[in-house]
Amino acid sequence: AMQQRMGRFILGHRGNSSIEAIKGESGWWSMGERRDRLRMNFCGKIVGVGKERNVRRMYDEMREEDDGWAKEMRCTMQRWYLEEDWKRNSITDYSGWERKVKRKMEEKIEEAWKRRSESNSKLKMMRKVKDKRNKSGLLKSDFRSAAKLLMQIRSGTSELRIDRGRFENLERKERI
């Protein structure tokens, strides 16, 4: 909720703009997504150390029992399409692991964003302008007020009749 409010404030969106519009303009990940990435990276560090190290032995014991943090990691890795890496339980290149985790997560986040934004009729304009969820060039604009208006139009929360007419129960054809 705090991340959404800050996103609306920074981007100049209104309170009724969808979270998908904010994520589309900012390229932000949710707090849960960022937490999952950090946890999988940390798991990669544990798996990458020698099997004689205490932390690795404890981790391997939890894996065998499918209990505790190891069980949570299995579920997290399944959610992000990294189940094969979980089964392999071997990481030789930690920086390669970090890149793989980020890439897989970005693919799934992008896929989910597209699916949710396509089902939201308010975001019809955004879909015409943006096909990828990334940081908008409008954020760097010197003309902040113009950029704010453009982002409101994209998100379907402007003062234009196409957006406001919805509250008067006007058909979309009548609002254009």
N, C-alpha and C. Protein backbone atom coordinates (compact mmCIF):
# COMPACT_ATOMS: atom_id res chain seq x y z
N ALA A 1 0.83 -1.19 0.00
CA ALA A 1 0.00 0.00 0.00
C ALA A 1 0.88 1.26 0.00
N MET A 2 1.93 1.27 0.79
CA MET A 2 2.81 2.43 0.85
C MET A 2 3.52 2.62 -0.49
N GLN A 3 3.97 1.53 -1.08
CA GLN A 3 4.66 1.60 -2.37
C GLN A 3 3.72 2.15 -3.43
N GLN A 4 2.45 1.74 -3.40
CA GLN A 4 1.48 2.22 -4.37
C GLN A 4 1.22 3.72 -4.19
N ARG A 5 1.08 4.17 -2.95
CA ARG A 5 0.85 5.59 -2.69
C ARG A 5 2.04 6.43 -3.15
N MET A 6 3.25 5.95 -2.87
CA MET A 6 4.44 6.69 -3.30
C MET A 6 4.54 6.71 -4.83
N GLY A 7 4.22 5.59 -5.46
CA GLY A 7 4.24 5.54 -6.92
C GLY A 7 3.26 6.54 -7.51
N ARG A 8 2.06 6.60 -6.95
CA ARG A 8 1.07 7.57 -7.43
C ARG A 8 1.58 9.00 -7.25
N PHE A 9 2.17 9.27 -6.11
CA PHE A 9 2.69 10.61 -5.82
C PHE A 9 3.81 10.98 -6.78
N ILE A 10 4.79 10.11 -6.93
CA ILE A 10 5.95 10.40 -7.78
C ILE A 10 5.54 10.57 -9.24
N LEU A 11 4.64 9.73 -9.71
CA LEU A 11 4.23 9.77 -11.11
C LEU A 11 3.16 10.81 -11.39
N GLY A 12 2.55 11.35 -10.34
CA GLY A 12 1.49 12.33 -10.53
C GLY A 12 0.16 11.71 -10.89
N HIS A 13 -0.02 10.45 -10.54
CA HIS A 13 -1.29 9.76 -10.80
C HIS A 13 -2.31 10.14 -9.75
N ARG A 14 -3.55 9.97 -10.09
CA ARG A 14 -4.64 10.20 -9.13
C ARG A 14 -4.81 8.96 -8.25
N GLY A 15 -5.58 9.12 -7.21
CA GLY A 15 -5.81 8.04 -6.26
C GLY A 15 -6.52 6.84 -6.83
N ASN A 16 -7.24 7.03 -7.94
CA ASN A 16 -7.98 5.91 -8.51
C ASN A 16 -7.25 5.24 -9.67
N SER A 17 -5.99 5.58 -9.88
CA SER A 17 -5.25 4.91 -10.95
C SER A 17 -4.86 3.50 -10.51
N SER A 18 -4.82 2.62 -11.47
CA SER A 18 -4.57 1.21 -11.13
C SER A 18 -3.09 0.98 -10.83
N ILE A 19 -2.84 -0.01 -10.02
CA ILE A 19 -1.46 -0.36 -9.67
C ILE A 19 -0.71 -0.83 -10.91
N GLU A 20 -1.41 -1.40 -11.88
CA GLU A 20 -0.76 -1.84 -13.11
C GLU A 20 -0.23 -0.65 -13.90
N ALA A 21 -0.95 0.47 -13.86
CA ALA A 21 -0.46 1.69 -14.53
C ALA A 21 0.81 2.19 -13.85
N ILE A 22 0.83 2.15 -12.54
CA ILE A 22 2.00 2.62 -11.79
C ILE A 22 3.19 1.72 -12.06
N LYS A 23 2.97 0.41 -12.03
CA LYS A 23 4.07 -0.52 -12.30
C LYS A 23 4.54 -0.40 -13.74
N GLY A 24 3.62 -0.15 -14.66
CA GLY A 24 3.98 -0.01 -16.06
C GLY A 24 4.84 1.22 -16.31
N GLU A 25 4.54 2.32 -15.64
CA GLU A 25 5.29 3.56 -15.83
C GLU A 25 6.61 3.55 -15.07
N SER A 26 6.64 2.92 -13.91
CA SER A 26 7.84 2.98 -13.07
C SER A 26 8.78 1.79 -13.26
N GLY A 27 8.22 0.65 -13.68
CA GLY A 27 9.04 -0.56 -13.79
C GLY A 27 9.34 -1.19 -12.44
N TRP A 28 8.62 -0.76 -11.41
CA TRP A 28 8.86 -1.28 -10.06
C TRP A 28 8.44 -2.72 -9.91
N TRP A 29 9.14 -3.41 -9.01
CA TRP A 29 8.74 -4.74 -8.56
C TRP A 29 8.01 -4.54 -7.23
N SER A 30 7.13 -5.47 -6.91
CA SER A 30 6.47 -5.40 -5.60
C SER A 30 7.48 -5.77 -4.52
N MET A 31 7.16 -5.45 -3.28
CA MET A 31 8.04 -5.78 -2.16
C MET A 31 8.24 -7.29 -2.07
N GLY A 32 7.16 -8.05 -2.29
CA GLY A 32 7.26 -9.51 -2.24
C GLY A 32 8.18 -10.07 -3.32
N GLU A 33 8.09 -9.48 -4.51
CA GLU A 33 8.95 -9.93 -5.61
C GLU A 33 10.42 -9.65 -5.29
N ARG A 34 10.68 -8.48 -4.74
CA ARG A 34 12.07 -8.14 -4.39
C ARG A 34 12.58 -9.05 -3.26
N ARG A 35 11.70 -9.34 -2.30
CA ARG A 35 12.09 -10.25 -1.22
C ARG A 35 12.42 -11.64 -1.77
N ASP A 36 11.60 -12.15 -2.67
CA ASP A 36 11.86 -13.46 -3.27
C ASP A 36 13.20 -13.48 -3.99
N ARG A 37 13.50 -12.41 -4.71
CA ARG A 37 14.78 -12.34 -5.43
C ARG A 37 15.96 -12.38 -4.45
N LEU A 38 15.88 -11.61 -3.40
CA LEU A 38 16.96 -11.59 -2.41
C LEU A 38 17.12 -12.95 -1.74
N ARG A 39 16.00 -13.60 -1.43
CA ARG A 39 16.06 -14.91 -0.79
C ARG A 39 16.67 -15.96 -1.71
N MET A 40 16.29 -15.91 -3.00
CA MET A 40 16.87 -16.89 -3.93
C MET A 40 18.36 -16.63 -4.15
N ASN A 41 18.74 -15.35 -4.17
CA ASN A 41 20.17 -15.04 -4.29
C ASN A 41 20.93 -15.55 -3.07
N PHE A 42 20.36 -15.37 -1.90
CA PHE A 42 21.00 -15.85 -0.67
C PHE A 42 21.10 -17.38 -0.68
N CYS A 43 20.04 -18.03 -1.14
CA CYS A 43 20.06 -19.49 -1.26
C CYS A 43 21.18 -19.92 -2.20
N GLY A 44 21.37 -19.16 -3.27
CA GLY A 44 22.45 -19.45 -4.20
C GLY A 44 23.81 -19.37 -3.54
N LYS A 45 23.97 -18.42 -2.63
CA LYS A 45 25.24 -18.32 -1.90
C LYS A 45 25.46 -19.54 -1.01
N ILE A 46 24.39 -19.97 -0.35
CA ILE A 46 24.50 -21.14 0.53
C ILE A 46 24.85 -22.39 -0.28
N VAL A 47 24.15 -22.58 -1.38
CA VAL A 47 24.39 -23.77 -2.21
C VAL A 47 25.78 -23.71 -2.84
N GLY A 48 26.29 -22.50 -3.06
CA GLY A 48 27.59 -22.34 -3.70
C GLY A 48 28.79 -22.58 -2.79
N VAL A 49 28.57 -22.60 -1.47
CA VAL A 49 29.70 -22.85 -0.57
C VAL A 49 29.98 -24.36 -0.50
N GLY A 50 31.12 -24.71 0.02
CA GLY A 50 31.49 -26.12 0.13
C GLY A 50 30.55 -26.90 1.03
N LYS A 51 30.38 -28.18 0.72
CA LYS A 51 29.45 -29.03 1.49
C LYS A 51 29.93 -29.29 2.91
N GLU A 52 31.19 -28.97 3.20
CA GLU A 52 31.72 -29.17 4.56
C GLU A 52 31.34 -28.02 5.49
N ARG A 53 30.88 -26.90 4.95
CA ARG A 53 30.52 -25.74 5.77
C ARG A 53 29.23 -26.01 6.54
N ASN A 54 29.16 -25.52 7.77
CA ASN A 54 28.00 -25.77 8.64
C ASN A 54 26.69 -25.28 8.04
N VAL A 55 26.72 -24.08 7.46
CA VAL A 55 25.49 -23.53 6.89
C VAL A 55 24.97 -24.42 5.77
N ARG A 56 25.86 -24.95 4.98
CA ARG A 56 25.45 -25.84 3.88
C ARG A 56 24.92 -27.16 4.43
N ARG A 57 25.56 -27.70 5.46
CA ARG A 57 25.07 -28.97 6.04
C ARG A 57 23.68 -28.79 6.63
N MET A 58 23.46 -27.67 7.34
CA MET A 58 22.13 -27.42 7.91
C MET A 58 21.09 -27.29 6.79
N TYR A 59 21.44 -26.59 5.75
CA TYR A 59 20.54 -26.40 4.62
C TYR A 59 20.21 -27.75 3.98
N ASP A 60 21.22 -28.58 3.76
CA ASP A 60 21.00 -29.90 3.15
C ASP A 60 20.10 -30.77 4.02
N GLU A 61 20.26 -30.68 5.35
CA GLU A 61 19.38 -31.44 6.25
C GLU A 61 17.94 -30.99 6.11
N MET A 62 17.73 -29.66 6.07
CA MET A 62 16.37 -29.14 5.90
C MET A 62 15.79 -29.54 4.55
N ARG A 63 16.62 -29.59 3.54
CA ARG A 63 16.16 -30.02 2.20
C ARG A 63 15.68 -31.46 2.24
N GLU A 64 16.43 -32.33 2.89
CA GLU A 64 16.06 -33.73 2.97
C GLU A 64 14.74 -33.92 3.69
N GLU A 65 14.53 -33.13 4.75
CA GLU A 65 13.29 -33.23 5.52
C GLU A 65 12.16 -32.41 4.91
N ASP A 66 12.48 -31.63 3.88
CA ASP A 66 11.53 -30.70 3.25
C ASP A 66 10.83 -29.89 4.33
N ASP A 67 11.65 -29.17 5.08
CA ASP A 67 11.15 -28.45 6.24
C ASP A 67 11.78 -27.06 6.32
N GLY A 68 11.10 -26.17 7.02
CA GLY A 68 11.65 -24.86 7.34
C GLY A 68 11.94 -24.00 6.12
N TRP A 69 13.07 -23.33 6.20
CA TRP A 69 13.45 -22.37 5.17
C TRP A 69 13.67 -23.06 3.83
N ALA A 70 14.19 -24.27 3.85
CA ALA A 70 14.44 -25.00 2.60
C ALA A 70 13.11 -25.29 1.89
N LYS A 71 12.07 -25.60 2.64
CA LYS A 71 10.76 -25.85 2.04
C LYS A 71 10.21 -24.55 1.43
N GLU A 72 10.38 -23.45 2.13
CA GLU A 72 9.95 -22.16 1.60
C GLU A 72 10.69 -21.84 0.30
N MET A 73 11.98 -22.15 0.26
CA MET A 73 12.77 -21.89 -0.94
C MET A 73 12.30 -22.75 -2.10
N ARG A 74 11.96 -23.99 -1.82
CA ARG A 74 11.45 -24.86 -2.89
C ARG A 74 10.18 -24.26 -3.49
N CYS A 75 9.27 -23.83 -2.63
CA CYS A 75 8.02 -23.23 -3.11
C CYS A 75 8.29 -21.93 -3.88
N THR A 76 9.21 -21.13 -3.38
CA THR A 76 9.55 -19.87 -4.06
C THR A 76 10.14 -20.14 -5.42
N MET A 77 11.05 -21.09 -5.50
CA MET A 77 11.69 -21.39 -6.78
C MET A 77 10.70 -22.00 -7.77
N GLN A 78 9.75 -22.77 -7.29
CA GLN A 78 8.72 -23.30 -8.18
C GLN A 78 7.87 -22.16 -8.74
N ARG A 79 7.54 -21.20 -7.88
CA ARG A 79 6.72 -20.07 -8.30
C ARG A 79 7.39 -19.26 -9.41
N TRP A 80 8.71 -19.21 -9.39
CA TRP A 80 9.46 -18.42 -10.38
C TRP A 80 10.09 -19.29 -11.47
N TYR A 81 9.60 -20.49 -11.69
CA TYR A 81 10.06 -21.39 -12.75
C TYR A 81 11.53 -21.76 -12.61
N LEU A 82 11.99 -21.96 -11.40
CA LEU A 82 13.38 -22.36 -11.16
C LEU A 82 13.44 -23.71 -10.44
N GLU A 83 12.42 -24.53 -10.65
CA GLU A 83 12.33 -25.82 -9.97
C GLU A 83 13.49 -26.75 -10.37
N GLU A 84 13.90 -26.71 -11.61
CA GLU A 84 15.02 -27.56 -12.05
C GLU A 84 16.30 -27.21 -11.30
N ASP A 85 16.50 -25.93 -11.06
CA ASP A 85 17.69 -25.51 -10.30
C ASP A 85 17.60 -25.98 -8.85
N TRP A 86 16.38 -26.00 -8.32
CA TRP A 86 16.18 -26.51 -6.96
C TRP A 86 16.56 -27.99 -6.89
N LYS A 87 16.11 -28.73 -7.87
CA LYS A 87 16.40 -30.17 -7.88
C LYS A 87 17.89 -30.43 -8.06
N ARG A 88 18.56 -29.63 -8.89
CA ARG A 88 19.98 -29.82 -9.15
C ARG A 88 20.82 -29.53 -7.90
N ASN A 89 20.44 -28.53 -7.13
CA ASN A 89 21.09 -28.19 -5.86
C ASN A 89 22.60 -27.97 -6.03
N SER A 90 22.97 -27.27 -7.08
CA SER A 90 24.38 -27.02 -7.33
C SER A 90 24.52 -25.71 -8.10
N ILE A 91 25.30 -24.80 -7.54
CA ILE A 91 25.56 -23.52 -8.20
C ILE A 91 27.06 -23.31 -8.22
N THR A 92 27.62 -23.20 -9.41
CA THR A 92 29.07 -23.01 -9.52
C THR A 92 29.42 -21.55 -9.80
N ASP A 93 28.52 -20.83 -10.46
CA ASP A 93 28.78 -19.43 -10.82
C ASP A 93 27.70 -18.56 -10.18
N TYR A 94 28.05 -17.93 -9.05
CA TYR A 94 27.06 -17.15 -8.31
C TYR A 94 26.55 -15.96 -9.11
N SER A 95 27.42 -15.23 -9.80
CA SER A 95 26.95 -14.07 -10.56
C SER A 95 26.03 -14.52 -11.71
N GLY A 96 26.30 -15.68 -12.28
CA GLY A 96 25.41 -16.23 -13.30
C GLY A 96 24.06 -16.60 -12.70
N TRP A 97 24.08 -17.10 -11.48
CA TRP A 97 22.84 -17.43 -10.76
C TRP A 97 22.01 -16.18 -10.54
N GLU A 98 22.64 -15.11 -10.08
CA GLU A 98 21.91 -13.85 -9.85
C GLU A 98 21.25 -13.36 -11.13
N ARG A 99 21.99 -13.40 -12.23
CA ARG A 99 21.43 -12.96 -13.52
C ARG A 99 20.26 -13.84 -13.95
N LYS A 100 20.39 -15.14 -13.74
CA LYS A 100 19.32 -16.07 -14.12
C LYS A 100 18.06 -15.81 -13.30
N VAL A 101 18.22 -15.62 -12.00
CA VAL A 101 17.07 -15.33 -11.13
C VAL A 101 16.38 -14.06 -11.59
N LYS A 102 17.15 -13.01 -11.83
CA LYS A 102 16.57 -11.73 -12.27
C LYS A 102 15.84 -11.89 -13.59
N ARG A 103 16.46 -12.58 -14.55
CA ARG A 103 15.85 -12.75 -15.88
C ARG A 103 14.54 -13.52 -15.79
N LYS A 104 14.56 -14.64 -15.04
CA LYS A 104 13.34 -15.46 -14.91
C LYS A 104 12.22 -14.67 -14.24
N MET A 105 12.59 -13.93 -13.20
CA MET A 105 11.58 -13.15 -12.49
C MET A 105 11.02 -12.05 -13.38
N GLU A 106 11.89 -11.36 -14.11
CA GLU A 106 11.41 -10.30 -15.00
C GLU A 106 10.47 -10.84 -16.06
N GLU A 107 10.77 -12.01 -16.59
CA GLU A 107 9.89 -12.63 -17.59
C GLU A 107 8.50 -12.87 -17.01
N LYS A 108 8.46 -13.46 -15.82
CA LYS A 108 7.17 -13.78 -15.23
C LYS A 108 6.41 -12.52 -14.79
N ILE A 109 7.12 -11.55 -14.25
CA ILE A 109 6.49 -10.29 -13.84
C ILE A 109 5.91 -9.57 -15.05
N GLU A 110 6.67 -9.54 -16.14
CA GLU A 110 6.22 -8.89 -17.37
C GLU A 110 4.97 -9.59 -17.92
N GLU A 111 5.00 -10.91 -17.92
CA GLU A 111 3.88 -11.71 -18.40
C GLU A 111 2.61 -11.42 -17.57
N ALA A 112 2.76 -11.38 -16.26
CA ALA A 112 1.61 -11.11 -15.37
C ALA A 112 1.11 -9.68 -15.56
N TRP A 113 2.03 -8.73 -15.72
CA TRP A 113 1.63 -7.33 -15.91
C TRP A 113 0.82 -7.18 -17.20
N LYS A 114 1.28 -7.81 -18.28
CA LYS A 114 0.55 -7.73 -19.54
C LYS A 114 -0.85 -8.33 -19.41
N ARG A 115 -0.92 -9.47 -18.76
CA ARG A 115 -2.21 -10.14 -18.60
C ARG A 115 -3.18 -9.27 -17.79
N ARG A 116 -2.71 -8.71 -16.69
CA ARG A 116 -3.59 -7.88 -15.85
C ARG A 116 -3.94 -6.55 -16.52
N SER A 117 -3.00 -5.94 -17.23
CA SER A 117 -3.30 -4.66 -17.87
C SER A 117 -4.24 -4.85 -19.07
N GLU A 118 -4.18 -5.99 -19.73
CA GLU A 118 -5.09 -6.25 -20.84
C GLU A 118 -6.52 -6.45 -20.37
N SER A 119 -6.70 -6.89 -19.15
CA SER A 119 -8.05 -7.10 -18.63
C SER A 119 -8.63 -5.83 -18.01
N ASN A 120 -7.86 -4.75 -17.96
CA ASN A 120 -8.31 -3.50 -17.36
C ASN A 120 -8.65 -2.51 -18.47
N SER A 121 -9.93 -2.17 -18.60
CA SER A 121 -10.36 -1.29 -19.70
C SER A 121 -9.81 0.12 -19.54
N LYS A 122 -9.51 0.56 -18.31
CA LYS A 122 -8.95 1.90 -18.10
C LYS A 122 -7.58 2.05 -18.74
N LEU A 123 -6.89 0.95 -18.93
CA LEU A 123 -5.52 1.01 -19.42
C LEU A 123 -5.41 0.83 -20.94
N LYS A 124 -6.51 1.04 -21.64
CA LYS A 124 -6.50 0.87 -23.09
C LYS A 124 -5.47 1.80 -23.74
N MET A 125 -5.39 3.04 -23.31
CA MET A 125 -4.43 3.99 -23.87
C MET A 125 -3.00 3.57 -23.55
N MET A 126 -2.77 3.10 -22.35
CA MET A 126 -1.42 2.67 -21.97
C MET A 126 -0.97 1.51 -22.86
N ARG A 127 -1.88 0.59 -23.13
CA ARG A 127 -1.53 -0.56 -23.97
C ARG A 127 -1.16 -0.13 -25.39
N LYS A 128 -1.76 0.97 -25.85
CA LYS A 128 -1.42 1.47 -27.19
C LYS A 128 -0.02 2.09 -27.20
N VAL A 129 0.38 2.68 -26.09
CA VAL A 129 1.64 3.41 -26.02
C VAL A 129 2.79 2.54 -25.51
N LYS A 130 2.50 1.68 -24.54
CA LYS A 130 3.53 0.86 -23.90
C LYS A 130 3.22 -0.61 -24.09
N ASP A 131 4.22 -1.36 -24.49
CA ASP A 131 4.03 -2.80 -24.57
C ASP A 131 4.92 -3.52 -23.57
N LYS A 132 5.79 -2.76 -22.88
CA LYS A 132 6.67 -3.34 -21.86
C LYS A 132 6.55 -2.53 -20.58
N ARG A 133 6.69 -3.23 -19.48
CA ARG A 133 6.67 -2.63 -18.16
C ARG A 133 8.09 -2.14 -17.87
N ASN A 134 8.32 -0.84 -17.95
CA ASN A 134 9.65 -0.30 -17.69
C ASN A 134 9.55 1.17 -17.27
N LYS A 135 10.67 1.72 -16.85
CA LYS A 135 10.67 3.11 -16.41
C LYS A 135 10.36 4.01 -17.59
N SER A 136 9.37 4.85 -17.40
CA SER A 136 8.92 5.74 -18.45
C SER A 136 9.92 6.87 -18.68
N GLY A 137 10.11 7.23 -19.93
CA GLY A 137 10.95 8.37 -20.26
C GLY A 137 10.35 9.67 -19.76
N LEU A 138 9.04 9.64 -19.49
CA LEU A 138 8.38 10.85 -18.98
C LEU A 138 8.88 11.23 -17.59
N LEU A 139 9.42 10.27 -16.86
CA LEU A 139 9.93 10.57 -15.52
C LEU A 139 11.12 11.52 -15.56
N LYS A 140 11.85 11.54 -16.66
CA LYS A 140 13.03 12.39 -16.80
C LYS A 140 12.71 13.70 -17.50
N SER A 141 11.46 13.94 -17.80
CA SER A 141 11.06 15.11 -18.56
C SER A 141 11.31 16.40 -17.77
N ASP A 142 11.73 17.43 -18.50
CA ASP A 142 11.89 18.75 -17.89
C ASP A 142 10.54 19.43 -17.72
N PHE A 143 9.56 18.99 -18.46
CA PHE A 143 8.22 19.56 -18.41
C PHE A 143 7.35 18.68 -17.52
N ARG A 144 7.55 18.80 -16.23
CA ARG A 144 6.92 17.91 -15.25
C ARG A 144 5.39 17.94 -15.32
N SER A 145 4.80 19.12 -15.47
CA SER A 145 3.33 19.19 -15.49
C SER A 145 2.77 18.52 -16.73
N ALA A 146 3.43 18.67 -17.88
CA ALA A 146 2.98 18.01 -19.10
C ALA A 146 3.14 16.50 -18.98
N ALA A 147 4.25 16.07 -18.40
CA ALA A 147 4.49 14.63 -18.21
C ALA A 147 3.42 14.05 -17.28
N LYS A 148 3.07 14.78 -16.23
CA LYS A 148 2.05 14.33 -15.28
C LYS A 148 0.71 14.13 -16.00
N LEU A 149 0.34 15.08 -16.86
CA LEU A 149 -0.92 14.96 -17.61
C LEU A 149 -0.89 13.77 -18.56
N LEU A 150 0.23 13.58 -19.25
CA LEU A 150 0.34 12.43 -20.16
C LEU A 150 0.21 11.11 -19.40
N MET A 151 0.84 11.03 -18.23
CA MET A 151 0.74 9.79 -17.45
C MET A 151 -0.68 9.56 -16.96
N GLN A 152 -1.40 10.64 -16.62
CA GLN A 152 -2.80 10.50 -16.20
C GLN A 152 -3.66 10.00 -17.36
N ILE A 153 -3.40 10.51 -18.54
CA ILE A 153 -4.16 10.07 -19.72
C ILE A 153 -3.87 8.59 -19.99
N ARG A 154 -2.61 8.21 -19.93
CA ARG A 154 -2.24 6.79 -20.14
C ARG A 154 -2.92 5.88 -19.14
N SER A 155 -3.01 6.33 -17.89
CA SER A 155 -3.55 5.46 -16.84
C SER A 155 -5.07 5.49 -16.77
N GLY A 156 -5.71 6.32 -17.58
CA GLY A 156 -7.17 6.37 -17.60
C GLY A 156 -7.75 7.10 -16.40
N THR A 157 -7.01 8.08 -15.85
CA THR A 157 -7.49 8.81 -14.67
C THR A 157 -7.43 10.32 -14.88
N SER A 158 -7.54 10.77 -16.11
CA SER A 158 -7.46 12.21 -16.39
C SER A 158 -8.82 12.86 -16.19
N GLU A 159 -8.86 14.17 -16.38
CA GLU A 159 -10.12 14.92 -16.28
C GLU A 159 -10.89 14.92 -17.60
N LEU A 160 -10.38 14.23 -18.60
CA LEU A 160 -11.06 14.18 -19.89
C LEU A 160 -12.36 13.40 -19.78
N ARG A 161 -13.28 13.71 -20.65
CA ARG A 161 -14.60 13.08 -20.62
C ARG A 161 -14.51 11.56 -20.79
N ILE A 162 -13.54 11.09 -21.56
CA ILE A 162 -13.39 9.64 -21.78
C ILE A 162 -13.20 8.92 -20.45
N ASP A 163 -12.55 9.59 -19.50
CA ASP A 163 -12.32 8.99 -18.18
C ASP A 163 -13.39 9.37 -17.18
N ARG A 164 -13.76 10.63 -17.13
CA ARG A 164 -14.74 11.10 -16.13
C ARG A 164 -16.16 10.64 -16.46
N GLY A 165 -16.47 10.45 -17.75
CA GLY A 165 -17.81 10.04 -18.14
C GLY A 165 -18.21 8.68 -17.60
N ARG A 166 -17.24 7.91 -17.22
CA ARG A 166 -17.50 6.60 -16.63
C ARG A 166 -18.34 6.73 -15.36
N PHE A 167 -18.06 7.79 -14.58
CA PHE A 167 -18.77 8.00 -13.32
C PHE A 167 -20.20 8.49 -13.54
N GLU A 168 -20.48 8.99 -14.74
CA GLU A 168 -21.83 9.42 -15.09
C GLU A 168 -22.59 8.31 -15.81
N ASN A 169 -21.98 7.12 -15.87
CA ASN A 169 -22.57 5.95 -16.52
C ASN A 169 -22.83 6.17 -18.01
N LEU A 170 -21.97 6.94 -18.66
CA LEU A 170 -22.08 7.12 -20.10
C LEU A 170 -21.39 5.97 -20.81
N GLU A 171 -21.96 5.56 -21.92
CA GLU A 171 -21.33 4.52 -22.73
C GLU A 171 -20.01 5.06 -23.27
N ARG A 172 -19.10 4.17 -23.53
CA ARG A 172 -17.77 4.58 -24.02
C ARG A 172 -17.89 5.39 -25.31
N LYS A 173 -18.80 5.00 -26.21
CA LYS A 173 -19.00 5.71 -27.47
C LYS A 173 -19.41 7.16 -27.24
N GLU A 174 -20.21 7.40 -26.19
CA GLU A 174 -20.68 8.76 -25.88
C GLU A 174 -19.58 9.62 -25.25
N ARG A 175 -18.57 8.99 -24.70
CA ARG A 175 -17.51 9.74 -24.01
C ARG A 175 -16.40 10.18 -24.94
N ILE A 176 -16.33 9.64 -26.13
CA ILE A 176 -15.21 9.95 -27.04
C ILE A 176 -15.46 11.23 -27.78
